[in-house]
Amino acid sequence: MSEKFKVISVEQLQKLEGHDKIFVDVRSPAEYRSLRVQGAVNLPLNTISCADVQKLIGDKQNPAIILLCGKGGRARKAAEILQAGSFNLLVVEGGTNACVDANLPIEKGGEAVISIERQVRIGAGSLICLGVALGHFVHPNFYFLSAFIGAGLIFAGITDWCGMGLLMARAPWNK
């Protein structure tokens, strides 16, 4: 299946003319509340659908749907989900972080939150350390916990699908 979306740089975004633009931020609601591109609408990756985007478009004629996340990975996944629709999808390389660096208009909300990616690293590292400590002090079978988490990280790296990330996105503190 050929990709029906285009990855663009922040510089290309700034030069984009001739289209209505709809900014869609696919990060968790907590990440979105803390910092976002001005005017961006939050449609979290774990719930995004073509119907949601169609509602945003309304009666606009072929607007550019600008997909944003923290660095660009989740926005690409959202674009893959939305390929089923006939949208003009643009993924911003570097995501919201690149927009901040390029001094695009930004809205800040409440407290800064830890990104899902960082939460996964903290959680995986903690579970690996816990497995090693329990394996050493309690019973050697606890080493399998560390092995399981390590295998999960390898799987996530190869497939670009992270179960722990999906679970973290649904955690109460990310709502």
C-alpha atoms as a PDB file:
ATOM      1  CA  MET A   1       0.000   0.000   0.000  1.00  0.00           C
ATOM      2  CA  SER A   2       1.498   3.328  -1.001  1.00  0.00           C
ATOM      3  CA  GLU A   3       1.520   6.094   1.571  1.00  0.00           C
ATOM      4  CA  LYS A   4      -1.156   8.724   1.105  1.00  0.00           C
ATOM      5  CA  PHE A   5       0.559  11.271   3.322  1.00  0.00           C
ATOM      6  CA  LYS A   6       3.562  13.524   3.055  1.00  0.00           C
ATOM      7  CA  VAL A   7       6.231  14.233   5.666  1.00  0.00           C
ATOM      8  CA  ILE A   8       7.224  17.894   5.692  1.00  0.00           C
ATOM      9  CA  SER A   9       9.711  20.001   7.630  1.00  0.00           C
ATOM     10  CA  VAL A  10       8.716  22.944   9.804  1.00  0.00           C
ATOM     11  CA  GLU A  11      10.213  25.230   7.154  1.00  0.00           C
ATOM     12  CA  GLN A  12       7.904  23.711   4.519  1.00  0.00           C
ATOM     13  CA  LEU A  13       4.982  24.100   6.926  1.00  0.00           C
ATOM     14  CA  GLN A  14       5.737  27.805   7.349  1.00  0.00           C
ATOM     15  CA  LYS A  15       5.731  28.249   3.560  1.00  0.00           C
ATOM     16  CA  LEU A  16       2.538  26.243   3.016  1.00  0.00           C
ATOM     17  CA  GLU A  17      -0.006  28.433   1.256  1.00  0.00           C
ATOM     18  CA  GLY A  18      -3.206  27.992  -0.689  1.00  0.00           C
ATOM     19  CA  HIS A  19      -4.854  25.561   1.735  1.00  0.00           C
ATOM     20  CA  ASP A  20      -6.983  25.804   4.791  1.00  0.00           C
ATOM     21  CA  LYS A  21      -4.923  24.218   7.572  1.00  0.00           C
ATOM     22  CA  ILE A  22      -6.234  22.077  10.391  1.00  0.00           C
ATOM     23  CA  PHE A  23      -3.646  21.223  13.035  1.00  0.00           C
ATOM     24  CA  VAL A  24      -4.280  17.869  14.728  1.00  0.00           C
ATOM     25  CA  ASP A  25      -2.195  16.955  17.765  1.00  0.00           C
ATOM     26  CA  VAL A  26      -2.233  13.181  18.353  1.00  0.00           C
ATOM     27  CA  ARG A  27      -0.448  13.166  21.730  1.00  0.00           C
ATOM     28  CA  SER A  28      -2.158  12.269  24.983  1.00  0.00           C
ATOM     29  CA  PRO A  29      -4.568  14.861  26.404  1.00  0.00           C
ATOM     30  CA  ALA A  30      -2.135  15.629  29.254  1.00  0.00           C
ATOM     31  CA  GLU A  31       0.748  16.267  26.827  1.00  0.00           C
ATOM     32  CA  TYR A  32      -1.543  18.403  24.667  1.00  0.00           C
ATOM     33  CA  ARG A  33      -2.715  20.507  27.633  1.00  0.00           C
ATOM     34  CA  SER A  34       0.830  21.301  28.685  1.00  0.00           C
ATOM     35  CA  LEU A  35       2.085  22.634  25.313  1.00  0.00           C
ATOM     36  CA  ARG A  36       0.674  22.714  21.778  1.00  0.00           C
ATOM     37  CA  VAL A  37       0.873  24.527  18.470  1.00  0.00           C
ATOM     38  CA  GLN A  38      -1.585  27.403  18.500  1.00  0.00           C
ATOM     39  CA  GLY A  39      -4.987  26.305  17.218  1.00  0.00           C
ATOM     40  CA  ALA A  40      -4.197  22.578  17.263  1.00  0.00           C
ATOM     41  CA  VAL A  41      -7.048  20.195  18.053  1.00  0.00           C
ATOM     42  CA  ASN A  42      -6.346  17.135  20.201  1.00  0.00           C
ATOM     43  CA  LEU A  43      -7.292  13.759  18.715  1.00  0.00           C
ATOM     44  CA  PRO A  44      -5.190  11.219  20.660  1.00  0.00           C
ATOM     45  CA  LEU A  45      -3.566   8.478  18.599  1.00  0.00           C
ATOM     46  CA  ASN A  46      -5.264   5.692  20.543  1.00  0.00           C
ATOM     47  CA  THR A  47      -8.735   7.027  19.612  1.00  0.00           C
ATOM     48  CA  ILE A  48      -8.275   8.870  16.291  1.00  0.00           C
ATOM     49  CA  SER A  49     -10.563   7.963  13.394  1.00  0.00           C
ATOM     50  CA  CYS A  50     -11.443   9.194   9.923  1.00  0.00           C
ATOM     51  CA  ALA A  51     -14.861  10.245  11.267  1.00  0.00           C
ATOM     52  CA  ASP A  52     -13.186  12.526  13.850  1.00  0.00           C
ATOM     53  CA  VAL A  53     -11.147  14.246  11.146  1.00  0.00           C
ATOM     54  CA  GLN A  54     -14.164  14.537   8.849  1.00  0.00           C
ATOM     55  CA  LYS A  55     -16.014  16.397  11.640  1.00  0.00           C
ATOM     56  CA  LEU A  56     -13.097  18.836  11.925  1.00  0.00           C
ATOM     57  CA  ILE A  57     -13.093  19.464   8.180  1.00  0.00           C
ATOM     58  CA  GLY A  58     -16.783  20.301   8.020  1.00  0.00           C
ATOM     59  CA  ASP A  59     -17.478  22.127   4.759  1.00  0.00           C
ATOM     60  CA  LYS A  60     -13.868  23.114   3.998  1.00  0.00           C
ATOM     61  CA  GLN A  61     -12.616  22.032   0.580  1.00  0.00           C
ATOM     62  CA  ASN A  62      -9.577  19.706   0.830  1.00  0.00           C
ATOM     63  CA  PRO A  63      -7.831  21.391   3.780  1.00  0.00           C
ATOM     64  CA  ALA A  64      -4.325  20.361   4.770  1.00  0.00           C
ATOM     65  CA  ILE A  65      -4.541  18.117   7.838  1.00  0.00           C
ATOM     66  CA  ILE A  66      -1.303  18.885   9.704  1.00  0.00           C
ATOM     67  CA  LEU A  67      -0.522  15.977  12.046  1.00  0.00           C
ATOM     68  CA  LEU A  68       1.649  16.676  15.078  1.00  0.00           C
ATOM     69  CA  CYS A  69       2.957  14.745  18.062  1.00  0.00           C
ATOM     70  CA  GLY A  70       6.066  15.203  20.176  1.00  0.00           C
ATOM     71  CA  LYS A  71       8.700  14.239  17.596  1.00  0.00           C
ATOM     72  CA  GLY A  72       6.816  12.817  14.611  1.00  0.00           C
ATOM     73  CA  GLY A  73       6.474   9.075  15.247  1.00  0.00           C
ATOM     74  CA  ARG A  74       2.919   9.042  16.558  1.00  0.00           C
ATOM     75  CA  ALA A  75       1.854  11.496  13.849  1.00  0.00           C
ATOM     76  CA  ARG A  76       3.089   9.020  11.212  1.00  0.00           C
ATOM     77  CA  LYS A  77       1.059   6.261  12.869  1.00  0.00           C
ATOM     78  CA  ALA A  78      -2.005   8.528  12.847  1.00  0.00           C
ATOM     79  CA  ALA A  79      -1.440   9.242   9.143  1.00  0.00           C
ATOM     80  CA  GLU A  80      -1.349   5.495   8.468  1.00  0.00           C
ATOM     81  CA  ILE A  81      -4.690   5.116  10.274  1.00  0.00           C
ATOM     82  CA  LEU A  82      -6.210   8.058   8.370  1.00  0.00           C
ATOM     83  CA  GLN A  83      -5.029   6.864   4.941  1.00  0.00           C
ATOM     84  CA  ALA A  84      -8.402   5.161   4.556  1.00  0.00           C
ATOM     85  CA  GLY A  85      -9.979   8.596   4.190  1.00  0.00           C
ATOM     86  CA  SER A  86      -9.365  10.932   1.281  1.00  0.00           C
ATOM     87  CA  PHE A  87      -7.530  13.565   3.292  1.00  0.00           C
ATOM     88  CA  ASN A  88      -4.623  15.829   2.423  1.00  0.00           C
ATOM     89  CA  LEU A  89      -2.378  14.530   5.243  1.00  0.00           C
ATOM     90  CA  LEU A  90       0.882  16.226   6.193  1.00  0.00           C
ATOM     91  CA  VAL A  91       3.100  14.953   9.010  1.00  0.00           C
ATOM     92  CA  VAL A  92       5.459  17.527  10.516  1.00  0.00           C
ATOM     93  CA  GLU A  93       8.935  16.064  10.893  1.00  0.00           C
ATOM     94  CA  GLY A  94      10.129  16.696  14.440  1.00  0.00           C
ATOM     95  CA  GLY A  95       6.570  17.357  15.609  1.00  0.00           C
ATOM     96  CA  THR A  96       5.656  19.923  18.227  1.00  0.00           C
ATOM     97  CA  ASN A  97       9.259  20.052  19.452  1.00  0.00           C
ATOM     98  CA  ALA A  98      10.419  21.241  16.015  1.00  0.00           C
ATOM     99  CA  CYS A  99       7.603  23.813  15.936  1.00  0.00           C
ATOM    100  CA  VAL A 100       8.733  25.170  19.308  1.00  0.00           C
ATOM    101  CA  ASP A 101      12.338  25.329  18.073  1.00  0.00           C
ATOM    102  CA  ALA A 102      11.178  27.198  14.938  1.00  0.00           C
ATOM    103  CA  ASN A 103       9.305  29.754  17.100  1.00  0.00           C
ATOM    104  CA  LEU A 104       5.868  28.920  15.713  1.00  0.00           C
ATOM    105  CA  PRO A 105       2.986  30.263  17.811  1.00  0.00           C
ATOM    106  CA  ILE A 106       2.606  27.973  20.821  1.00  0.00           C
ATOM    107  CA  GLU A 107      -0.053  27.731  23.518  1.00  0.00           C
ATOM    108  CA  LYS A 108       0.990  26.643  26.990  1.00  0.00           C
ATOM    109  CA  GLY A 109      -1.375  25.107  29.464  1.00  0.00           C
ATOM    110  CA  GLY A 110      -0.884  23.728  32.929  1.00  0.00           C
ATOM    111  CA  GLU A 111       2.049  21.823  34.287  1.00  0.00           C
ATOM    112  CA  ALA A 112       4.598  20.241  32.003  1.00  0.00           C
ATOM    113  CA  VAL A 113       4.086  16.491  31.715  1.00  0.00           C
ATOM    114  CA  ILE A 114       6.408  13.648  30.914  1.00  0.00           C
ATOM    115  CA  SER A 115       5.924  12.370  27.363  1.00  0.00           C
ATOM    116  CA  ILE A 116       4.613   8.841  26.794  1.00  0.00           C
ATOM    117  CA  GLU A 117       7.979   7.848  25.320  1.00  0.00           C
ATOM    118  CA  ARG A 118       9.814   8.954  28.464  1.00  0.00           C
ATOM    119  CA  GLN A 119       7.202   7.257  30.671  1.00  0.00           C
ATOM    120  CA  VAL A 120       7.844   3.986  28.802  1.00  0.00           C
ATOM    121  CA  ARG A 121      11.602   4.329  29.323  1.00  0.00           C
ATOM    122  CA  ILE A 122      11.110   4.999  33.031  1.00  0.00           C
ATOM    123  CA  GLY A 123       8.651   2.121  33.399  1.00  0.00           C
ATOM    124  CA  ALA A 124      10.741  -0.383  31.421  1.00  0.00           C
ATOM    125  CA  GLY A 125      13.937   0.568  33.235  1.00  0.00           C
ATOM    126  CA  SER A 126      12.214   0.304  36.598  1.00  0.00           C
ATOM    127  CA  LEU A 127      10.781  -3.133  35.801  1.00  0.00           C
ATOM    128  CA  ILE A 128      14.164  -4.388  34.582  1.00  0.00           C
ATOM    129  CA  CYS A 129      15.869  -3.175  37.777  1.00  0.00           C
ATOM    130  CA  LEU A 130      13.076  -4.689  39.869  1.00  0.00           C
ATOM    131  CA  GLY A 131      13.458  -8.034  38.091  1.00  0.00           C
ATOM    132  CA  VAL A 132      17.216  -8.064  38.656  1.00  0.00           C
ATOM    133  CA  ALA A 133      16.862  -7.128  42.344  1.00  0.00           C
ATOM    134  CA  LEU A 134      14.116  -9.694  42.985  1.00  0.00           C
ATOM    135  CA  GLY A 135      16.057 -12.321  41.031  1.00  0.00           C
ATOM    136  CA  HIS A 136      19.113 -11.735  43.188  1.00  0.00           C
ATOM    137  CA  PHE A 137      17.439 -11.366  46.589  1.00  0.00           C
ATOM    138  CA  VAL A 138      14.208 -13.393  46.348  1.00  0.00           C
ATOM    139  CA  HIS A 139      14.224 -16.064  43.634  1.00  0.00           C
ATOM    140  CA  PRO A 140      16.116 -16.506  40.335  1.00  0.00           C
ATOM    141  CA  ASN A 141      12.851 -16.860  38.393  1.00  0.00           C
ATOM    142  CA  PHE A 142      12.332 -13.093  38.763  1.00  0.00           C
ATOM    143  CA  TYR A 143      15.127 -12.613  36.201  1.00  0.00           C
ATOM    144  CA  PHE A 144      12.493 -13.594  33.626  1.00  0.00           C
ATOM    145  CA  LEU A 145      10.720 -10.295  34.308  1.00  0.00           C
ATOM    146  CA  SER A 146      13.811  -8.422  33.128  1.00  0.00           C
ATOM    147  CA  ALA A 147      14.140 -10.738  30.129  1.00  0.00           C
ATOM    148  CA  PHE A 148      10.473 -10.238  29.228  1.00  0.00           C
ATOM    149  CA  ILE A 149      10.728  -6.435  29.373  1.00  0.00           C
ATOM    150  CA  GLY A 150      13.981  -6.519  27.378  1.00  0.00           C
ATOM    151  CA  ALA A 151      12.330  -8.705  24.727  1.00  0.00           C
ATOM    152  CA  GLY A 152       9.429  -6.257  24.617  1.00  0.00           C
ATOM    153  CA  LEU A 153      11.832  -3.375  23.994  1.00  0.00           C
ATOM    154  CA  ILE A 154      13.506  -5.310  21.175  1.00  0.00           C
ATOM    155  CA  PHE A 155      10.074  -6.086  19.663  1.00  0.00           C
ATOM    156  CA  ALA A 156       9.083  -2.415  19.921  1.00  0.00           C
ATOM    157  CA  GLY A 157      12.300  -1.363  18.229  1.00  0.00           C
ATOM    158  CA  ILE A 158      11.843  -3.800  15.351  1.00  0.00           C
ATOM    159  CA  THR A 159       8.111  -3.343  14.752  1.00  0.00           C
ATOM    160  CA  ASP A 160       7.656   0.272  15.940  1.00  0.00           C
ATOM    161  CA  TRP A 161       4.687  -0.980  18.024  1.00  0.00           C
ATOM    162  CA  CYS A 162       4.911  -0.596  21.788  1.00  0.00           C
ATOM    163  CA  GLY A 163       2.326  -2.223  24.020  1.00  0.00           C
ATOM    164  CA  MET A 164       3.659  -0.475  27.098  1.00  0.00           C
ATOM    165  CA  GLY A 165       3.281   2.866  25.310  1.00  0.00           C
ATOM    166  CA  LEU A 166      -0.335   2.083  24.482  1.00  0.00           C
ATOM    167  CA  LEU A 167      -0.979   1.164  28.122  1.00  0.00           C
ATOM    168  CA  MET A 168       0.751   4.326  29.357  1.00  0.00           C
ATOM    169  CA  ALA A 169      -1.385   6.456  27.035  1.00  0.00           C
ATOM    170  CA  ARG A 170      -4.481   5.079  28.777  1.00  0.00           C
ATOM    171  CA  ALA A 171      -3.140   5.678  32.280  1.00  0.00           C
ATOM    172  CA  PRO A 172      -5.245   8.082  34.378  1.00  0.00           C
ATOM    173  CA  TRP A 173      -2.473  10.684  34.651  1.00  0.00           C
ATOM    174  CA  ASN A 174      -2.362  10.956  30.832  1.00  0.00           C
ATOM    175  CA  LYS A 175      -6.079  11.754  30.460  1.00  0.00           C
END
